[in-house]
Protein backbone atom coordinates (compact mmCIF):
# COMPACT_ATOMS: atom_id res chain seq x y z
CA UNK A 1 5.97 12.65 -14.87
CA UNK A 2 6.30 14.91 -17.91
CA UNK A 3 8.50 17.99 -17.77
CA UNK A 4 8.14 20.80 -20.26
CA UNK A 5 10.92 23.30 -20.92
CA UNK A 6 11.19 25.92 -18.13
CA UNK A 7 8.07 24.63 -16.40
CA UNK A 8 7.24 22.57 -13.37
CA UNK A 9 6.69 18.87 -13.99
CA UNK A 10 3.20 17.85 -15.02
CA UNK A 11 2.13 14.86 -12.97
CA UNK A 12 -0.06 12.18 -14.47
CA UNK A 13 -3.36 11.72 -12.69
CA UNK A 14 -3.33 8.32 -11.03
CA UNK A 15 -7.07 7.84 -10.56
CA UNK A 16 -9.56 6.78 -13.19
CA UNK A 17 -11.12 9.93 -14.67
CA UNK A 18 -14.86 10.36 -14.18
CA UNK A 19 -15.03 7.62 -11.53
CA UNK A 20 -16.48 8.46 -8.13
CA UNK A 21 -14.22 6.85 -5.53
CA UNK A 22 -16.88 7.58 -2.90
CA UNK A 23 -19.04 4.94 -4.60
CA UNK A 24 -19.69 1.60 -3.01
CA UNK A 25 -17.26 -0.82 -4.57
CA UNK A 26 -14.33 -3.14 -4.24
CA UNK A 27 -10.78 -1.93 -4.86
CA UNK A 28 -7.36 -3.58 -5.17
CA UNK A 29 -4.80 -1.17 -3.72
CA UNK A 30 -0.99 -1.20 -3.85
CA UNK A 31 1.08 1.28 -1.86
CA UNK A 32 4.88 1.27 -2.24
CA UNK A 33 7.64 2.34 0.10
CA UNK A 34 9.55 5.34 -1.28
CA UNK A 35 12.47 4.19 -3.42
CA UNK A 36 11.12 0.64 -2.92
CA UNK A 37 13.32 0.13 0.12
CA UNK A 38 12.74 -3.10 2.01
CA UNK A 39 11.68 -1.59 5.33
CA UNK A 40 8.80 -3.86 6.37
CA UNK A 41 10.50 -7.27 6.61
CA UNK A 42 11.89 -9.95 4.36
CA UNK A 43 10.86 -13.03 2.42
CA UNK A 44 12.40 -16.36 3.38
CA UNK A 45 11.44 -19.58 1.60
CA UNK A 46 8.35 -17.92 0.12
CA UNK A 47 7.09 -16.68 3.50
CA UNK A 48 6.82 -13.01 4.43
CA UNK A 49 8.51 -12.36 7.77
CA UNK A 50 7.39 -8.99 9.10
CA UNK A 51 9.82 -6.98 11.13
CA UNK A 52 8.54 -4.68 13.91
CA UNK A 53 7.84 -1.91 11.37
CA UNK A 54 5.92 -4.37 9.18
CA UNK A 55 3.86 -5.56 12.16
CA UNK A 56 3.05 -1.95 13.08
CA UNK A 57 2.03 -1.22 9.48
CA UNK A 58 -0.17 -4.32 9.51
CA UNK A 59 -1.82 -3.20 12.75
CA UNK A 60 -2.55 0.25 11.30
CA UNK A 61 -3.91 -1.27 8.09
CA UNK A 62 -6.25 -3.53 10.08
CA UNK A 63 -7.36 -0.56 12.21
CA UNK A 64 -8.70 1.17 9.08
CA UNK A 65 -11.86 -0.93 9.47
CA UNK A 66 -12.53 0.69 12.85
CA UNK A 67 -11.94 4.18 11.51
CA UNK A 68 -13.99 3.60 8.34
CA UNK A 69 -16.77 1.39 9.66
CA UNK A 70 -18.64 1.26 6.36
CA UNK A 71 -15.61 -0.43 4.78
CA UNK A 72 -13.96 -3.83 5.03
CA UNK A 73 -10.36 -4.95 4.62
CA UNK A 74 -10.93 -8.21 2.75
CA UNK A 75 -7.48 -9.54 1.79
CA UNK A 76 -4.03 -8.11 2.32
CA UNK A 77 -0.30 -8.80 2.34
CA UNK A 78 2.50 -6.69 3.71
CA UNK A 79 5.57 -7.21 1.52
CA UNK A 80 9.14 -5.97 2.17
CA UNK A 81 8.60 -2.75 0.20
CA UNK A 82 4.89 -2.48 -0.52
CA UNK A 83 1.45 -3.50 0.62
CA UNK A 84 -1.45 -4.96 -1.35
CA UNK A 85 -4.99 -5.08 -0.10
CA UNK A 86 -8.60 -5.37 -1.16
CA UNK A 87 -10.76 -2.60 0.27
CA UNK A 88 -14.53 -2.96 0.13
CA UNK A 89 -16.53 0.24 0.47
CA UNK A 90 -19.89 -1.29 1.35
CA UNK A 91 -22.09 1.80 1.69
CA UNK A 92 -20.33 4.32 -0.49
CA UNK A 93 -19.69 6.75 2.39
CA UNK A 94 -15.88 6.58 2.56
CA UNK A 95 -13.68 8.49 0.18
CA UNK A 96 -10.92 6.06 -0.88
CA UNK A 97 -8.17 8.69 -1.36
CA UNK A 98 -8.89 10.05 2.14
CA UNK A 99 -8.60 6.55 3.64
CA UNK A 100 -5.28 5.95 1.88
CA UNK A 101 -4.00 9.35 3.02
CA UNK A 102 -4.95 8.47 6.63
CA UNK A 103 -3.12 5.12 6.36
CA UNK A 104 0.03 6.80 5.02
CA UNK A 105 0.04 9.59 7.63
CA UNK A 106 -0.56 7.32 10.61
CA UNK A 107 1.95 4.69 9.48
CA UNK A 108 4.57 7.35 8.67
CA UNK A 109 4.19 8.89 12.13
CA UNK A 110 4.50 5.45 13.74
CA UNK A 111 7.57 4.70 11.63
CA UNK A 112 9.21 8.01 12.60
CA UNK A 113 8.66 7.12 16.29
CA UNK A 114 10.21 3.70 15.62
CA UNK A 115 13.27 5.26 14.01
CA UNK A 116 13.72 7.70 16.92
CA UNK A 117 12.95 5.31 19.79
CA UNK A 118 13.63 1.77 18.59
CA UNK A 119 16.36 2.03 15.94
CA UNK A 120 14.19 1.10 12.96
CA UNK A 121 15.91 1.56 9.60
CA UNK A 122 15.65 5.23 8.61
CA UNK A 123 13.93 6.26 5.40
CA UNK A 124 14.92 8.98 2.96
CA UNK A 125 12.65 12.02 2.43
CA UNK A 126 9.36 10.13 2.88
CA UNK A 127 8.19 6.68 3.89
CA UNK A 128 5.66 6.08 1.08
CA UNK A 129 5.83 6.86 -2.61
CA UNK A 130 3.53 9.57 -3.86
CA UNK A 131 0.11 8.21 -4.74
CA UNK A 132 -0.89 4.57 -4.93
CA UNK A 133 -2.11 2.09 -7.49
CA UNK A 134 -5.73 1.08 -7.59
CA UNK A 135 -7.80 -1.32 -9.61
CA UNK A 136 -11.58 -1.31 -9.46
CA UNK A 137 -12.68 -4.91 -8.95
CA UNK A 138 -15.61 -5.42 -11.28
CA UNK A 139 -16.80 -8.98 -10.64
CA UNK A 140 -16.27 -12.16 -8.61
CA UNK A 141 -13.78 -13.64 -11.10
CA UNK A 142 -11.66 -10.46 -10.95
CA UNK A 143 -11.81 -10.62 -7.13
CA UNK A 144 -10.68 -14.27 -7.04
CA UNK A 145 -7.72 -13.63 -9.35
CA UNK A 146 -6.57 -10.69 -7.22
CA UNK A 147 -7.10 -12.54 -3.92
CA UNK A 148 -4.97 -15.41 -5.25
CA UNK A 149 -2.29 -12.94 -6.39
CA UNK A 150 -2.20 -11.41 -2.89
CA UNK A 151 -1.99 -14.82 -1.22
CA UNK A 152 0.82 -16.01 -3.50
CA UNK A 153 2.77 -12.75 -3.63
CA UNK A 154 5.52 -13.91 -1.20
CA UNK A 155 6.02 -17.10 -3.24
CA UNK A 156 6.52 -15.01 -6.38
CA UNK A 157 8.65 -12.30 -4.74
CA UNK A 158 11.69 -12.58 -7.00
CA UNK A 159 9.43 -12.36 -10.08
CA UNK A 160 7.44 -9.41 -8.70
CA UNK A 161 7.85 -6.13 -10.61
CA UNK A 162 8.27 -4.45 -7.20
CA UNK A 163 11.07 -6.82 -6.18
CA UNK A 164 14.24 -5.03 -5.26
CA UNK A 165 17.33 -6.03 -3.39
CA UNK A 166 17.84 -3.24 -0.89
CA UNK A 167 21.45 -2.15 -1.26
CA UNK A 168 21.06 0.67 1.29
CA UNK A 169 19.70 -0.92 4.47
């Protein structure tokens, strides 16, 4: 974010300019918890152990295929403070930013219910960080590298750039 004197911050555009995200294609998506708090579970011995909030997030992520029937959730991992997944838009009918917005809204509402009713860890200001990271998967080799990264992400947790010890549980 760039801030000019006496002006509102100018936010960098996160999406690739001149690319139509309605297009059929394959995308690697990363969505982070706000302030990278570890709200979705923990890693033990290289294995991701989802807590109830993580299991609910996983259920909502999987349900995206029912809502967006022209798309497929190919690979995914829920990590303590972020999620990675490969999203395949087979027919080019689903707008990717709209699908991500739906995922964030539904999972945030579920999380709020969990905080109120089931004593889930509270979050500050918002559940998810603004925006998300995407990578357009261009070929089979690119797909295989990303799928392997997703599969091995729990094993590499302490080396992950999103790794954070949550000091405010």
